[in-house]
Every structure is written in C-alpha cells, then in structure tokens.
PDB file of N, CA and C in Angstrom:
ATOM      1  N   MET A   1     -57.075-221.110  75.811  1.00  0.00           N
ATOM      2  CA  MET A   1     -56.118-221.985  76.492  1.00  0.00           C
ATOM      3  C   MET A   1     -56.835-222.794  77.574  1.00  0.00           C
ATOM      4  N   TYR A   2     -57.596-222.076  78.385  1.00  0.00           N
ATOM      5  CA  TYR A   2     -58.317-222.742  79.472  1.00  0.00           C
ATOM      6  C   TYR A   2     -59.340-223.732  78.921  1.00  0.00           C
ATOM      7  N   ILE A   3     -60.025-223.328  77.857  1.00  0.00           N
ATOM      8  CA  ILE A   3     -61.027-224.206  77.238  1.00  0.00           C
ATOM      9  C   ILE A   3     -60.357-225.470  76.705  1.00  0.00           C
ATOM     10  N   CYS A   4     -59.188-225.312  76.131  1.00  0.00           N
ATOM     11  CA  CYS A   4     -58.463-226.468  75.586  1.00  0.00           C
ATOM     12  C   CYS A   4     -58.119-227.439  76.707  1.00  0.00           C
ATOM     13  N   GLN A   5     -57.738-226.902  77.854  1.00  0.00           N
ATOM     14  CA  GLN A   5     -57.388-227.758  78.987  1.00  0.00           C
ATOM     15  C   GLN A   5     -58.608-228.544  79.454  1.00  0.00           C
ATOM     16  N   ILE A   6     -59.744-227.868  79.505  1.00  0.00           N
ATOM     17  CA  ILE A   6     -60.984-228.539  79.923  1.00  0.00           C
ATOM     18  C   ILE A   6     -61.341-229.637  78.923  1.00  0.00           C
ATOM     19  N   TYR A   7     -61.209-229.332  77.641  1.00  0.00           N
ATOM     20  CA  TYR A   7     -61.536-230.313  76.608  1.00  0.00           C
ATOM     21  C   TYR A   7     -60.620-231.520  76.724  1.00  0.00           C
ATOM     22  N   PHE A   8     -59.345-231.264  76.978  1.00  0.00           N
ATOM     23  CA  PHE A   8     -58.375-232.352  77.106  1.00  0.00           C
ATOM     24  C   PHE A   8     -58.711-233.220  78.314  1.00  0.00           C
ATOM     25  N   CYS A   9     -59.035-232.580  79.424  1.00  0.00           N
ATOM     26  CA  CYS A   9     -59.375-233.325  80.644  1.00  0.00           C
ATOM     27  C   CYS A   9     -60.622-234.174  80.409  1.00  0.00           C
ATOM     28  N   ASN A  10     -61.627-233.597  79.763  1.00  0.00           N
ATOM     29  CA  ASN A  10     -62.858-234.339  79.485  1.00  0.00           C
ATOM     30  C   ASN A  10     -62.581-235.529  78.577  1.00  0.00           C
ATOM     31  N   THR A  11     -61.695-235.342  77.617  1.00  0.00           N
ATOM     32  CA  THR A  11     -61.359-236.430  76.697  1.00  0.00           C
ATOM     33  C   THR A  11     -60.685-237.571  77.447  1.00  0.00           C
ATOM     34  N   VAL A  12     -59.772-237.229  78.342  1.00  0.00           N
ATOM     35  CA  VAL A  12     -59.055-238.246  79.123  1.00  0.00           C
ATOM     36  C   VAL A  12     -60.027-238.990  80.037  1.00  0.00           C
ATOM     37  N   LEU A  13     -60.909-238.243  80.697  1.00  0.00           N
ATOM     38  CA  LEU A  13     -61.881-238.867  81.592  1.00  0.00           C
ATOM     39  C   LEU A  13     -62.815-239.782  80.805  1.00  0.00           C
ATOM     40  N   TYR A  14     -63.258-239.322  79.645  1.00  0.00           N
ATOM     41  CA  TYR A  14     -64.161-240.118  78.818  1.00  0.00           C
ATOM     42  C   TYR A  14     -63.475-241.401  78.364  1.00  0.00           C
ATOM     43  N   SER A  15     -62.215-241.289  77.990  1.00  0.00           N
ATOM     44  CA  SER A  15     -61.459-242.459  77.539  1.00  0.00           C
ATOM     45  C   SER A  15     -61.313-243.460  78.682  1.00  0.00           C
ATOM     46  N   SER A  16     -61.020-242.961  79.878  1.00  0.00           N
ATOM     47  CA  SER A  16     -60.846-243.850  81.022  1.00  0.00           C
ATOM     48  C   SER A  16     -62.170-244.541  81.352  1.00  0.00           C
ATOM     49  N   LYS A  17     -63.277-243.836  81.191  1.00  0.00           N
ATOM     50  CA  LYS A  17     -64.588-244.436  81.447  1.00  0.00           C
ATOM     51  C   LYS A  17     -64.857-245.549  80.441  1.00  0.00           C
ATOM     52  N   LEU A  18     -64.509-245.314  79.189  1.00  0.00           N
ATOM     53  CA  LEU A  18     -64.716-246.332  78.158  1.00  0.00           C
ATOM     54  C   LEU A  18     -63.881-247.566  78.477  1.00  0.00           C
ATOM     55  N   GLU A  19     -62.657-247.353  78.901  1.00  0.00           N
ATOM     56  CA  GLU A  19     -61.779-248.480  79.225  1.00  0.00           C
ATOM     57  C   GLU A  19     -62.358-249.273  80.396  1.00  0.00           C
ATOM     58  N   THR A  20     -62.936-248.551  81.351  1.00  0.00           N
ATOM     59  CA  THR A  20     -63.526-249.221  82.512  1.00  0.00           C
ATOM     60  C   THR A  20     -64.716-250.074  82.077  1.00  0.00           C
ATOM     61  N   LEU A  21     -65.546-249.531  81.196  1.00  0.00           N
ATOM     62  CA  LEU A  21     -66.707-250.277  80.713  1.00  0.00           C
ATOM     63  C   LEU A  21     -66.263-251.504  79.925  1.00  0.00           C
ATOM     64  N   VAL A  22     -65.229-251.342  79.128  1.00  0.00           N
ATOM     65  CA  VAL A  22     -64.740-252.453  78.314  1.00  0.00           C
ATOM     66  C   VAL A  22     -64.158-253.548  79.208  1.00  0.00           C
ATOM     67  N   SER A  23     -63.462-253.133  80.269  1.00  0.00           N
ATOM     68  CA  SER A  23     -62.853-254.116  81.170  1.00  0.00           C
ATOM     69  C   SER A  23     -63.935-254.914  81.895  1.00  0.00           C
ATOM     70  N   LEU A  24     -65.095-254.289  82.087  1.00  0.00           N
ATOM     71  CA  LEU A  24     -66.194-255.001  82.740  1.00  0.00           C
ATOM     72  C   LEU A  24     -66.780-256.006  81.755  1.00  0.00           C
TER      73      LEU A  24
END
C-alpha cells in the first residue's frame, strides 16, 4: 500500500515536470 502511494506520487511529480519542460 505504502509503495503504491510512493509510486503514484512519483508519477504525478514526473508528469508535472514533463509539463513544465513542455511549457518552456
């Protein structure tokens, strides 16, 4: 359960980083 939460958080952070790079 805890691992899934970490994976989900990492996925969200990674997605937001990609969006930031694309916006640049």
